[in-house]
Amino acid sequence: MKNKNDLLNKLLNSMAEEYFSFNNKIIKVNNLKEVDFQKIALKIDKEDQKYYIENNYLIDQDNVYFNKESVNLLKYKIQFLGKIKSGQHKVPYLNNYRYQSLSIDLDKGLDLLKKYQKNNHNQASFLHYKSNLLAELPEERKELLLKLAAEAAELGYNLYLVGGQVRDLLINLPLNKDLDLLLDGDLKEFFDHLEEKFGYQYDYNNKFSTGFLHNEYGYSIDIASCREEKYHFPGSLPLVEKADLFSDLFRRDFTINTLVIDLHPDRKGILYDFFGGINDLKNGILKVLHNYSFRDDPLRILRGIRFQILKDFKLSAETVELSRRSLKNYDYHKLALERVFTELAYLFDSKRDISQFSSILLNQIPVLKLIKDNFEFNSSIDANFLKGEKMLALSREKEVEVNHFLVRLMILFYNSKERIIKSWPLSIPEKKTFIRKNWQDLNASVFDLKDPALRFRELESYQPEELIMFTVQNFKQEYVEEIFNHLQQRDEIEIPISGHDLLKMGVAQGPEIREYLLEVRDQILRRQISSRREALEYLKEII
């Protein structure tokens, strides 16, 4: 079995190339790991070194070398490009224009790197790893992606695989069927081309320049044009403008989600890393892209928390601090609650322990103010949330179906007013359960009943979520055991007769039938009946 970081280590240990276009020529930069950079520096004679900054970069007669692991990488990359522009550095050029499509204009690259520097991306560069990562994808998926990329290339466009699929591939996580693609080109024209040639149907959103491609393989294929986003107010939906690949990636949430695989027939499999995402992925760090990221879209805070809890990443200290400042300084009242609840559901629907959400994160990041601006986290809520996680863990262990999302929400917002709950985008049954709080009416004396049938009848009027809430607020081992025994009995108990049997015995159609069936169930719970024959005999006695 592959080690989780095999692919990552292979990339980190390899050279990354970088290309800049300047004065109609191409400059190639070789970015090496530190030990390899030092070997090169020792090997090249002093007289052949045109320019050398120890442990950072070196220019000789034929090549430019950078130490890609240097903590000063961005600083010296900016210095290097600035000196080329001013004529202070004489560098070797490539005349082979097959590298043109891989290059970035030097002026644009310099401007972007300065922009990245302001946002503390000290490992930012325009790195290209020549590694055929597509070979690691399932064959059907790879062939489909290459097929789409070939059609994009036919139109003169570039198609890229970006986001979660790339991230999870690199750390050897199971790949889902969600494919996020990025098109440097006219998306509507691309969709029309695919429909005409292959009959593919699509959904297209002109406002956001995004779309969904229906396909015969069952993949969820989201395609977006390379774009920039502008926000009128914190949390608003963005205004979208056409942009290049570099600008598109800078608008995203975290560095680990900016890794891109080129799908173009001439460059297929090349991995682009512009923000040190590979290093952050290796270290399990969630680092935000720019200082206004959470102002623009505070849902990225929730997304980061979800990644930390469910995917075992860790928010960097700077990202935590930025999220705290953003929640404190910006007004998110215009943020649509539907969007907040959709993001929250990804976490709260999870069938695994998320105790960390309260015990660590809510103490640091008051993200639930996005739902209720006066939400205050306290030790009582913290304790109840941890109890709730124990109860939900038991429900999974005992295979009892429970609405995890609703239980977690009710614990955190227990004292919310009815008008507030009604305004939330919940289902009608969920709202009713939350508002009524029926578990408050459950008397603990039910557990003292000696008759298991009477005890069952008392408890069966409560939904599983209501019984879980009772145990959270009345956390006693005996109550927990009784309630889970009851919930398991609900799923397991079978009445060996039906209403049809009762009709044949002369019982009239109506509520009496249900009551007779419950009488039989009572006897099963009392262990007086264990078969269909015994059930029928019992009915003959009482009808």
Protein backbone atom coordinates (compact mmCIF):
# COMPACT_ATOMS: atom_id res chain seq x y z
CA MET A 1 0.00 0.00 0.00
CA LYS A 2 1.23 3.47 -0.84
CA ASN A 3 2.42 5.65 1.97
CA LYS A 4 0.17 8.67 2.40
CA ASN A 5 2.94 11.04 1.36
CA ASP A 6 4.71 9.04 -1.38
CA LEU A 7 3.58 11.33 -4.20
CA LEU A 8 4.18 14.46 -2.15
CA ASN A 9 7.70 13.40 -1.19
CA LYS A 10 8.51 12.54 -4.78
CA LEU A 11 7.48 16.03 -5.89
CA LEU A 12 9.17 17.83 -3.03
CA ASN A 13 12.42 16.01 -3.76
CA SER A 14 12.31 16.85 -7.46
CA MET A 15 13.20 20.00 -9.38
CA ALA A 16 10.45 22.47 -10.23
CA GLU A 17 10.80 24.59 -13.36
CA GLU A 18 9.64 28.14 -13.85
CA TYR A 19 9.43 30.22 -17.02
CA PHE A 20 9.30 33.98 -17.55
CA SER A 21 8.93 35.78 -20.88
CA PHE A 22 10.93 38.98 -21.32
CA ASN A 23 11.95 40.87 -24.46
CA ASN A 24 10.50 38.10 -26.62
CA LYS A 25 12.72 35.50 -24.98
CA ILE A 26 12.19 32.86 -22.32
CA ILE A 27 14.01 32.70 -18.98
CA LYS A 28 14.04 29.30 -17.31
CA VAL A 29 14.51 29.01 -13.54
CA ASN A 30 15.44 25.68 -11.93
CA ASN A 31 14.04 25.43 -8.39
CA LEU A 32 15.87 22.78 -6.38
CA LYS A 33 15.56 21.36 -2.89
CA GLU A 34 18.19 22.85 -0.59
CA VAL A 35 20.63 19.96 -0.56
CA ASP A 36 20.65 19.79 -4.37
CA PHE A 37 21.08 23.54 -4.64
CA GLN A 38 24.10 23.38 -2.35
CA LYS A 39 25.63 20.57 -4.42
CA ILE A 40 25.24 22.66 -7.58
CA ALA A 41 26.79 25.69 -5.89
CA LEU A 42 29.82 23.65 -4.83
CA LYS A 43 30.20 22.10 -8.27
CA ILE A 44 30.20 25.34 -10.28
CA ASP A 45 33.55 27.15 -10.33
CA LYS A 46 33.57 30.62 -8.86
CA GLU A 47 34.59 32.20 -12.17
CA ASP A 48 31.55 30.68 -13.86
CA GLN A 49 29.16 32.17 -11.33
CA LYS A 50 27.64 35.35 -12.73
CA TYR A 51 25.71 36.00 -9.55
CA TYR A 52 25.39 34.07 -6.29
CA ILE A 53 23.55 34.64 -3.03
CA GLU A 54 24.47 31.86 -0.66
CA ASN A 55 21.69 29.35 -0.08
CA ASN A 56 19.22 31.37 -2.16
CA TYR A 57 20.01 31.69 -5.86
CA LEU A 58 22.77 31.33 -8.40
CA ILE A 59 23.22 32.36 -12.04
CA ASP A 60 25.93 30.77 -14.20
CA GLN A 61 26.64 30.75 -17.93
CA ASP A 62 23.82 28.37 -18.77
CA ASN A 63 21.30 28.22 -15.93
CA VAL A 64 19.48 29.97 -13.12
CA TYR A 65 19.10 28.02 -9.88
CA PHE A 66 16.96 28.78 -6.82
CA ASN A 67 16.74 27.04 -3.46
CA LYS A 68 12.99 26.40 -3.36
CA GLU A 69 13.18 25.57 0.37
CA SER A 70 14.66 28.95 1.32
CA VAL A 71 12.62 30.93 3.84
CA ASN A 72 13.54 33.96 1.73
CA LEU A 73 12.42 32.43 -1.57
CA LEU A 74 9.83 35.09 -2.41
CA LYS A 75 12.07 37.98 -1.38
CA TYR A 76 14.91 36.85 -3.64
CA LYS A 77 12.62 35.85 -6.50
CA ILE A 78 11.31 39.43 -6.53
CA GLN A 79 14.87 40.77 -6.35
CA PHE A 80 15.95 38.48 -9.19
CA LEU A 81 13.15 39.53 -11.53
CA GLY A 82 13.64 43.20 -10.67
CA LYS A 83 17.35 43.02 -11.56
CA ILE A 84 16.58 41.34 -14.88
CA LYS A 85 14.10 44.09 -15.68
CA SER A 86 16.61 46.82 -14.80
CA GLY A 87 19.40 45.12 -16.75
CA GLN A 88 21.55 44.39 -13.69
CA HIS A 89 21.32 40.62 -14.23
CA LYS A 90 22.46 39.01 -17.46
CA VAL A 91 20.75 35.64 -17.65
CA PRO A 92 20.75 32.78 -20.17
CA TYR A 93 17.69 32.76 -22.43
CA LEU A 94 15.84 29.99 -24.19
CA ASN A 95 15.02 30.56 -27.83
CA ASN A 96 12.77 27.51 -28.00
CA TYR A 97 9.22 28.85 -28.14
CA ARG A 98 7.66 25.58 -27.08
CA TYR A 99 8.07 26.98 -23.56
CA GLN A 100 6.03 30.07 -24.39
CA SER A 101 2.78 28.50 -23.24
CA LEU A 102 4.33 27.68 -19.87
CA SER A 103 5.70 31.15 -19.23
CA ILE A 104 4.37 34.19 -17.46
CA ASP A 105 5.21 37.73 -18.54
CA LEU A 106 8.02 38.97 -16.29
CA ASP A 107 6.27 42.25 -15.43
CA LYS A 108 3.06 40.44 -14.55
CA GLY A 109 4.98 37.84 -12.54
CA LEU A 110 6.80 40.54 -10.62
CA ASP A 111 3.55 42.37 -9.83
CA LEU A 112 1.88 39.16 -8.69
CA LEU A 113 4.78 38.13 -6.46
CA LYS A 114 4.73 41.54 -4.76
CA LYS A 115 1.00 41.09 -4.24
CA TYR A 116 1.57 37.63 -2.75
CA GLN A 117 4.32 39.06 -0.53
CA LYS A 118 1.89 41.54 1.02
CA ASN A 119 -0.23 38.56 2.04
CA ASN A 120 2.69 36.68 3.62
CA HIS A 121 3.09 33.94 0.99
CA ASN A 122 6.83 33.69 1.41
CA GLN A 123 7.00 30.44 -0.58
CA ALA A 124 5.10 31.81 -3.58
CA SER A 125 6.54 31.17 -7.04
CA PHE A 126 5.29 29.88 -10.38
CA LEU A 127 6.51 26.31 -10.01
CA HIS A 128 5.92 23.58 -12.61
CA TYR A 129 6.50 19.97 -11.59
CA LYS A 130 6.94 17.70 -14.59
CA SER A 131 5.27 14.67 -13.10
CA ASN A 132 2.54 12.70 -14.81
CA LEU A 133 0.07 12.66 -11.95
CA LEU A 134 -2.74 11.72 -14.30
CA ALA A 135 -1.31 8.20 -14.34
CA GLU A 136 -2.42 7.95 -10.70
CA LEU A 137 -6.09 8.50 -11.57
CA PRO A 138 -8.52 5.66 -12.38
CA GLU A 139 -8.33 4.95 -16.12
CA GLU A 140 -11.91 5.93 -16.99
CA ARG A 141 -11.58 9.23 -15.16
CA LYS A 142 -8.24 10.00 -16.77
CA GLU A 143 -9.53 9.26 -20.26
CA LEU A 144 -12.57 11.49 -19.76
CA LEU A 145 -10.45 14.39 -18.53
CA LEU A 146 -8.03 14.09 -21.42
CA LYS A 147 -10.92 13.88 -23.86
CA LEU A 148 -12.39 17.13 -22.53
CA ALA A 149 -8.98 18.81 -22.52
CA ALA A 150 -8.39 17.83 -26.16
CA GLU A 151 -11.70 19.45 -27.12
CA ALA A 152 -10.76 22.60 -25.19
CA ALA A 153 -7.40 22.67 -26.98
CA GLU A 154 -9.19 22.36 -30.31
CA LEU A 155 -10.86 25.67 -29.48
CA GLY A 156 -7.53 27.18 -28.40
CA TYR A 157 -8.36 26.91 -24.69
CA ASN A 158 -6.61 25.37 -21.67
CA LEU A 159 -8.34 23.00 -19.25
CA TYR A 160 -7.10 22.27 -15.72
CA LEU A 161 -8.01 19.89 -12.88
CA VAL A 162 -8.05 21.84 -9.64
CA GLY A 163 -9.13 21.64 -5.99
CA GLY A 164 -10.06 18.63 -3.88
CA GLN A 165 -9.36 15.95 -6.49
CA VAL A 166 -5.73 17.12 -6.82
CA ARG A 167 -5.31 17.56 -3.09
CA ASP A 168 -6.67 14.13 -2.19
CA LEU A 169 -4.71 12.44 -4.99
CA LEU A 170 -1.46 13.83 -3.61
CA ILE A 171 -2.08 12.56 -0.08
CA ASN A 172 -3.54 9.23 -1.19
CA LEU A 173 -7.07 9.81 0.11
CA PRO A 174 -10.00 8.01 -1.56
CA LEU A 175 -11.14 9.99 -4.60
CA ASN A 176 -14.81 10.90 -4.87
CA LYS A 177 -16.55 11.51 -8.20
CA ASP A 178 -16.51 15.31 -7.89
CA LEU A 179 -14.34 16.86 -10.60
CA ASP A 180 -13.60 20.60 -10.44
CA LEU A 181 -12.26 21.90 -13.74
CA LEU A 182 -10.97 25.32 -14.67
CA LEU A 183 -11.15 26.61 -18.24
CA ASP A 184 -8.96 29.39 -19.55
CA GLY A 185 -11.39 30.33 -22.30
CA ASP A 186 -15.05 30.93 -23.17
CA LEU A 187 -17.03 28.45 -21.09
CA LYS A 188 -20.31 28.82 -22.98
CA GLU A 189 -18.57 28.17 -26.29
CA PHE A 190 -16.88 25.13 -24.78
CA PHE A 191 -20.20 23.71 -23.53
CA ASP A 192 -21.85 24.33 -26.90
CA HIS A 193 -18.96 22.56 -28.62
CA LEU A 194 -19.31 19.50 -26.33
CA GLU A 195 -23.07 19.39 -26.85
CA GLU A 196 -22.76 19.56 -30.62
CA LYS A 197 -19.98 16.97 -30.82
CA PHE A 198 -20.98 14.48 -28.10
CA GLY A 199 -24.53 15.43 -27.15
CA TYR A 200 -23.47 16.37 -23.62
CA GLN A 201 -26.09 18.39 -21.74
CA TYR A 202 -25.00 21.18 -19.45
CA ASP A 203 -26.22 23.79 -16.98
CA TYR A 204 -24.63 27.20 -17.40
CA ASN A 205 -24.62 30.21 -15.07
CA ASN A 206 -23.71 33.28 -17.09
CA LYS A 207 -23.54 35.54 -14.03
CA PHE A 208 -20.79 33.52 -12.35
CA SER A 209 -19.29 31.95 -15.49
CA THR A 210 -19.70 28.47 -14.05
CA GLY A 211 -21.48 25.35 -15.19
CA PHE A 212 -22.19 21.66 -14.69
CA LEU A 213 -21.50 19.09 -17.38
CA HIS A 214 -23.79 16.06 -17.51
CA ASN A 215 -21.98 12.90 -18.60
CA GLU A 216 -22.53 9.19 -19.08
CA TYR A 217 -20.09 8.16 -16.33
CA GLY A 218 -21.91 9.65 -13.36
CA TYR A 219 -19.20 12.14 -12.44
CA SER A 220 -20.13 15.46 -10.90
CA ILE A 221 -18.24 17.80 -13.24
CA ASP A 222 -18.20 21.48 -12.30
CA ILE A 223 -16.41 23.75 -14.75
CA ALA A 224 -15.62 27.41 -14.23
CA SER A 225 -13.90 30.01 -16.37
CA CYS A 226 -10.74 31.53 -14.92
CA ARG A 227 -12.08 34.55 -13.09
CA GLU A 228 -11.59 37.20 -10.44
CA GLU A 229 -14.25 38.07 -7.88
CA LYS A 230 -15.21 41.41 -6.36
CA TYR A 231 -17.45 41.70 -3.28
CA HIS A 232 -19.73 44.71 -2.67
CA PHE A 233 -20.03 43.92 1.04
CA PRO A 234 -18.75 41.19 3.41
CA GLY A 235 -20.33 37.85 2.61
CA SER A 236 -22.07 39.06 -0.54
CA LEU A 237 -22.20 37.04 -3.72
CA PRO A 238 -19.34 38.20 -5.93
CA LEU A 239 -19.22 40.11 -9.17
CA VAL A 240 -17.18 38.03 -11.59
CA GLU A 241 -14.64 39.24 -14.15
CA LYS A 242 -12.57 37.24 -16.61
CA ALA A 243 -9.00 36.64 -15.44
CA ASP A 244 -5.98 34.40 -15.91
CA LEU A 245 -5.04 31.21 -14.04
CA PHE A 246 -2.82 32.99 -11.51
CA SER A 247 -5.50 35.49 -10.49
CA ASP A 248 -8.15 32.78 -10.32
CA LEU A 249 -6.14 30.69 -7.89
CA PHE A 250 -5.39 33.69 -5.67
CA ARG A 251 -9.12 34.20 -5.02
CA ARG A 252 -9.51 30.69 -3.54
CA ASP A 253 -9.68 29.70 0.12
CA PHE A 254 -6.50 27.85 1.19
CA THR A 255 -3.12 27.16 -0.38
CA ILE A 256 -3.72 23.39 -0.40
CA ASN A 257 -6.69 23.94 -2.73
CA THR A 258 -4.71 25.92 -5.32
CA LEU A 259 -2.75 22.98 -6.74
CA VAL A 260 -3.49 22.47 -10.43
CA ILE A 261 -2.90 19.67 -12.91
CA ASP A 262 -2.61 20.79 -16.53
CA LEU A 263 -4.76 18.66 -18.87
CA HIS A 264 -3.70 20.24 -22.19
CA PRO A 265 -2.45 17.57 -24.66
CA ASP A 266 0.99 19.26 -24.83
CA ARG A 267 1.40 19.61 -21.05
CA LYS A 268 -0.77 16.87 -19.55
CA GLY A 269 0.08 15.89 -16.02
CA ILE A 270 2.22 18.92 -15.12
CA LEU A 271 1.46 20.14 -11.59
CA TYR A 272 1.44 23.88 -10.89
CA ASP A 273 2.17 25.12 -7.39
CA PHE A 274 2.09 28.90 -7.03
CA PHE A 275 1.65 29.33 -3.26
CA GLY A 276 3.74 26.64 -1.59
CA GLY A 277 0.66 24.44 -1.44
CA ILE A 278 2.68 21.21 -1.65
CA ASN A 279 4.63 22.14 1.48
CA ASP A 280 1.45 23.07 3.33
CA LEU A 281 -0.17 19.82 2.20
CA LYS A 282 2.81 17.82 3.46
CA ASN A 283 2.66 19.62 6.82
CA GLY A 284 -1.13 19.43 7.07
CA ILE A 285 -1.46 23.23 7.30
CA LEU A 286 -4.44 25.33 6.24
CA LYS A 287 -3.14 28.72 5.19
CA VAL A 288 -5.48 31.39 3.83
CA LEU A 289 -4.67 32.99 0.46
CA HIS A 290 -5.02 36.68 1.26
CA ASN A 291 -5.81 39.02 4.12
CA TYR A 292 -9.30 39.86 2.86
CA SER A 293 -10.31 36.28 2.21
CA PHE A 294 -12.66 35.98 5.18
CA ARG A 295 -14.06 39.46 4.67
CA ASP A 296 -15.04 38.46 1.15
CA ASP A 297 -16.44 35.07 2.12
CA PRO A 298 -16.71 34.18 5.83
CA LEU A 299 -17.92 30.69 4.90
CA ARG A 300 -14.25 29.94 4.28
CA ILE A 301 -13.85 30.04 8.07
CA LEU A 302 -16.40 27.24 8.44
CA ARG A 303 -14.77 25.37 5.57
CA GLY A 304 -11.39 25.61 7.28
CA ILE A 305 -12.85 24.32 10.54
CA ARG A 306 -14.42 21.41 8.65
CA PHE A 307 -11.09 20.58 7.02
CA GLN A 308 -9.37 20.63 10.40
CA ILE A 309 -11.91 18.33 12.00
CA LEU A 310 -12.77 15.92 9.19
CA LYS A 311 -9.61 15.88 7.09
CA ASP A 312 -7.02 16.23 9.87
CA PHE A 313 -5.53 19.51 8.70
CA LYS A 314 -4.66 22.32 11.09
CA LEU A 315 -5.46 26.00 10.65
CA SER A 316 -2.27 28.05 10.81
CA ALA A 317 -1.98 30.51 13.70
CA GLU A 318 -2.17 33.41 11.22
CA THR A 319 -5.33 31.99 9.67
CA VAL A 320 -6.98 31.55 13.09
CA GLU A 321 -6.11 35.14 14.00
CA LEU A 322 -7.39 36.46 10.68
CA SER A 323 -10.68 34.60 11.15
CA ARG A 324 -11.07 36.07 14.65
CA ARG A 325 -10.40 39.60 13.43
CA SER A 326 -12.75 39.21 10.49
CA LEU A 327 -15.62 37.97 12.66
CA LYS A 328 -15.04 40.87 15.03
CA ASN A 329 -14.56 43.68 12.50
CA TYR A 330 -16.94 42.95 9.62
CA ASP A 331 -20.70 43.09 9.45
CA TYR A 332 -22.10 39.87 7.98
CA HIS A 333 -25.80 40.62 8.43
CA LYS A 334 -26.38 40.47 4.69
CA LEU A 335 -24.88 37.00 4.43
CA ALA A 336 -27.57 34.55 3.29
CA LEU A 337 -28.38 32.04 6.06
CA GLU A 338 -29.00 29.34 3.45
CA ARG A 339 -25.32 29.51 2.50
CA VAL A 340 -24.21 29.31 6.14
CA PHE A 341 -26.40 26.31 6.89
CA THR A 342 -25.32 24.53 3.72
CA GLU A 343 -21.68 24.82 4.76
CA LEU A 344 -22.44 23.95 8.38
CA ALA A 345 -24.33 20.84 7.30
CA TYR A 346 -21.20 19.42 5.66
CA LEU A 347 -19.71 19.27 9.14
CA PHE A 348 -22.78 18.61 11.30
CA ASP A 349 -24.05 15.77 9.10
CA SER A 350 -20.78 13.95 9.63
CA LYS A 351 -21.05 10.47 11.11
CA ARG A 352 -17.90 10.85 13.19
CA ASP A 353 -16.79 12.56 16.38
CA ILE A 354 -16.50 16.33 16.02
CA SER A 355 -15.90 17.16 19.70
CA GLN A 356 -13.04 19.37 18.56
CA PHE A 357 -15.60 21.80 17.15
CA SER A 358 -16.55 22.93 20.63
CA SER A 359 -13.63 21.92 22.83
CA ILE A 360 -10.99 23.65 20.71
CA LEU A 361 -12.33 25.70 17.85
CA LEU A 362 -15.33 27.51 19.30
CA ASN A 363 -13.12 28.74 22.11
CA GLN A 364 -10.86 30.32 19.49
CA ILE A 365 -13.14 31.22 16.58
CA PRO A 366 -16.69 32.52 17.27
CA VAL A 367 -17.91 31.35 13.88
CA LEU A 368 -21.50 30.66 15.02
CA LYS A 369 -22.07 34.42 15.16
CA LEU A 370 -22.67 34.01 11.43
CA ILE A 371 -25.95 32.32 12.41
CA LYS A 372 -26.83 34.26 15.53
CA ASP A 373 -24.85 37.43 16.14
CA ASN A 374 -25.35 37.36 19.92
CA PHE A 375 -24.29 33.72 20.22
CA GLU A 376 -22.13 33.22 23.29
CA PHE A 377 -20.18 30.04 23.82
CA ASN A 378 -19.90 28.94 27.46
CA SER A 379 -18.83 25.99 29.59
CA SER A 380 -22.39 24.63 29.78
CA ILE A 381 -22.74 24.48 25.99
CA ASP A 382 -19.27 22.99 25.74
CA ALA A 383 -20.12 20.25 28.24
CA ASN A 384 -23.43 19.45 26.54
CA PHE A 385 -21.83 19.33 23.11
CA LEU A 386 -19.28 16.79 24.35
CA LYS A 387 -22.08 14.72 25.91
CA GLY A 388 -23.96 14.93 22.63
CA GLU A 389 -20.94 13.62 20.74
CA LYS A 390 -20.80 10.62 23.09
CA MET A 391 -24.48 9.92 22.46
CA LEU A 392 -24.08 10.24 18.70
CA ALA A 393 -21.06 7.94 18.83
CA LEU A 394 -23.24 5.37 20.63
CA SER A 395 -25.94 5.76 18.00
CA ARG A 396 -23.39 4.93 15.29
CA GLU A 397 -21.98 2.03 17.27
CA LYS A 398 -25.43 0.57 17.85
CA GLU A 399 -26.56 1.44 14.30
CA VAL A 400 -29.43 3.65 15.46
CA GLU A 401 -30.42 6.24 12.85
CA VAL A 402 -30.20 9.75 14.31
CA ASN A 403 -30.22 13.17 12.63
CA HIS A 404 -26.72 14.26 13.68
CA PHE A 405 -27.14 17.73 12.19
CA LEU A 406 -30.28 18.48 14.19
CA VAL A 407 -28.93 17.18 17.50
CA ARG A 408 -25.77 19.27 17.22
CA LEU A 409 -27.73 22.36 16.23
CA MET A 410 -30.20 21.98 19.12
CA ILE A 411 -27.40 21.63 21.65
CA LEU A 412 -25.59 24.74 20.48
CA PHE A 413 -28.66 26.95 20.03
CA TYR A 414 -30.83 25.42 22.72
CA ASN A 415 -32.29 28.67 24.12
CA SER A 416 -32.97 30.34 20.78
CA LYS A 417 -36.37 31.96 20.39
CA GLU A 418 -39.04 30.39 18.21
CA ARG A 419 -39.02 33.25 15.68
CA ILE A 420 -35.27 32.76 15.21
CA ILE A 421 -35.58 29.01 14.64
CA LYS A 422 -38.45 29.55 12.20
CA SER A 423 -36.25 31.85 10.12
CA TRP A 424 -33.60 29.14 9.65
CA PRO A 425 -33.53 27.00 6.48
CA LEU A 426 -34.53 23.77 8.21
CA SER A 427 -37.14 21.24 7.21
CA ILE A 428 -40.59 21.60 8.80
CA PRO A 429 -40.14 18.44 10.95
CA GLU A 430 -36.74 19.70 12.14
CA LYS A 431 -38.20 23.06 13.13
CA LYS A 432 -41.08 21.40 14.98
CA THR A 433 -38.74 19.13 16.92
CA PHE A 434 -36.49 22.04 17.86
CA ILE A 435 -39.30 24.42 18.84
CA ARG A 436 -41.45 21.96 20.81
CA LYS A 437 -38.60 20.52 22.91
CA ASN A 438 -40.78 17.54 23.82
CA TRP A 439 -37.92 15.87 25.68
CA GLN A 440 -38.48 18.37 28.50
CA ASP A 441 -41.79 16.60 29.20
CA LEU A 442 -40.19 13.19 29.56
CA ASN A 443 -40.34 12.18 33.20
CA ALA A 444 -37.41 10.12 34.45
CA SER A 445 -39.86 7.97 36.41
CA VAL A 446 -40.52 6.11 33.15
CA PHE A 447 -37.27 4.25 33.76
CA ASP A 448 -38.63 2.91 37.06
CA LEU A 449 -41.51 1.13 35.33
CA LYS A 450 -41.15 -2.60 35.77
CA ASP A 451 -43.36 -3.46 32.81
CA PRO A 452 -41.17 -3.29 29.67
CA ALA A 453 -44.25 -2.89 27.48
CA LEU A 454 -45.49 0.18 29.34
CA ARG A 455 -41.97 1.64 29.32
CA PHE A 456 -41.76 1.07 25.56
CA ARG A 457 -45.13 2.78 24.99
CA GLU A 458 -44.05 5.80 27.03
CA LEU A 459 -40.79 6.23 25.09
CA GLU A 460 -42.00 5.46 21.57
CA SER A 461 -43.80 8.78 21.22
CA TYR A 462 -40.42 10.51 21.24
CA GLN A 463 -38.17 10.80 18.20
CA PRO A 464 -34.61 9.49 18.51
CA GLU A 465 -33.26 13.07 18.47
CA GLU A 466 -35.55 14.00 21.36
CA LEU A 467 -34.38 11.03 23.41
CA ILE A 468 -30.76 11.93 22.69
CA MET A 469 -31.46 15.47 23.93
CA PHE A 470 -32.98 14.03 27.10
CA THR A 471 -29.81 12.06 27.82
CA VAL A 472 -27.64 15.13 27.15
CA GLN A 473 -29.57 17.05 29.78
CA ASN A 474 -29.98 14.08 32.14
CA PHE A 475 -26.63 12.41 31.72
CA LYS A 476 -26.92 9.19 33.75
CA GLN A 477 -25.58 5.84 32.66
CA GLU A 478 -28.85 4.04 33.45
CA TYR A 479 -30.85 6.49 31.29
CA VAL A 480 -28.40 6.15 28.42
CA GLU A 481 -28.58 2.36 28.53
CA GLU A 482 -32.38 2.31 28.72
CA ILE A 483 -32.84 4.74 25.86
CA PHE A 484 -30.46 2.95 23.52
CA ASN A 485 -32.00 -0.40 24.41
CA HIS A 486 -35.34 1.13 23.50
CA LEU A 487 -34.10 2.61 20.22
CA GLN A 488 -32.58 -0.72 19.23
CA GLN A 489 -35.81 -2.50 20.10
CA ARG A 490 -37.69 -0.10 17.83
CA ASP A 491 -35.60 -1.26 14.91
CA GLU A 492 -35.54 -4.92 15.80
CA ILE A 493 -38.97 -5.86 17.13
CA GLU A 494 -41.29 -7.54 14.64
CA ILE A 495 -44.96 -8.31 15.12
CA PRO A 496 -45.53 -11.77 13.55
CA ILE A 497 -49.12 -11.02 12.53
CA SER A 498 -50.77 -8.34 10.40
CA GLY A 499 -54.05 -6.49 10.09
CA HIS A 500 -55.04 -9.03 7.45
CA ASP A 501 -54.95 -11.76 10.10
CA LEU A 502 -57.22 -9.72 12.35
CA LEU A 503 -59.71 -9.06 9.55
CA LYS A 504 -59.90 -12.82 8.94
CA MET A 505 -60.62 -13.27 12.66
CA GLY A 506 -63.62 -10.98 12.36
CA VAL A 507 -62.20 -7.69 13.69
CA ALA A 508 -63.72 -4.72 11.88
CA GLN A 509 -61.54 -2.32 9.93
CA GLY A 510 -60.55 0.59 12.20
CA PRO A 511 -58.45 1.67 15.18
CA GLU A 512 -59.12 -1.63 16.97
CA ILE A 513 -56.78 -3.41 14.60
CA ARG A 514 -53.86 -1.22 15.59
CA GLU A 515 -54.62 -1.69 19.26
CA TYR A 516 -54.67 -5.49 18.95
CA LEU A 517 -51.34 -5.39 17.14
CA LEU A 518 -49.89 -3.30 19.95
CA GLU A 519 -51.27 -5.80 22.48
CA VAL A 520 -49.34 -8.53 20.71
CA ARG A 521 -46.21 -6.35 20.70
CA ASP A 522 -46.66 -5.79 24.46
CA GLN A 523 -46.64 -9.54 25.03
CA ILE A 524 -43.53 -9.94 22.89
CA LEU A 525 -41.77 -7.29 24.99
CA ARG A 526 -42.91 -9.14 28.13
CA ARG A 527 -41.44 -12.30 26.60
CA GLN A 528 -44.83 -14.05 26.67
CA ILE A 529 -45.00 -14.44 22.89
CA SER A 530 -42.17 -15.52 20.60
CA SER A 531 -43.85 -16.89 17.46
CA ARG A 532 -46.70 -16.33 15.02
CA ARG A 533 -48.57 -19.36 16.35
CA GLU A 534 -48.44 -18.02 19.92
CA ALA A 535 -49.57 -14.58 18.70
CA LEU A 536 -52.61 -16.04 16.95
CA GLU A 537 -53.54 -18.12 20.01
CA TYR A 538 -53.26 -15.05 22.24
CA LEU A 539 -55.56 -13.07 19.93
CA LYS A 540 -58.18 -15.82 20.03
CA GLU A 541 -58.22 -15.46 23.80
CA ILE A 542 -58.69 -11.68 23.90
CA ILE A 543 -60.92 -10.99 20.89
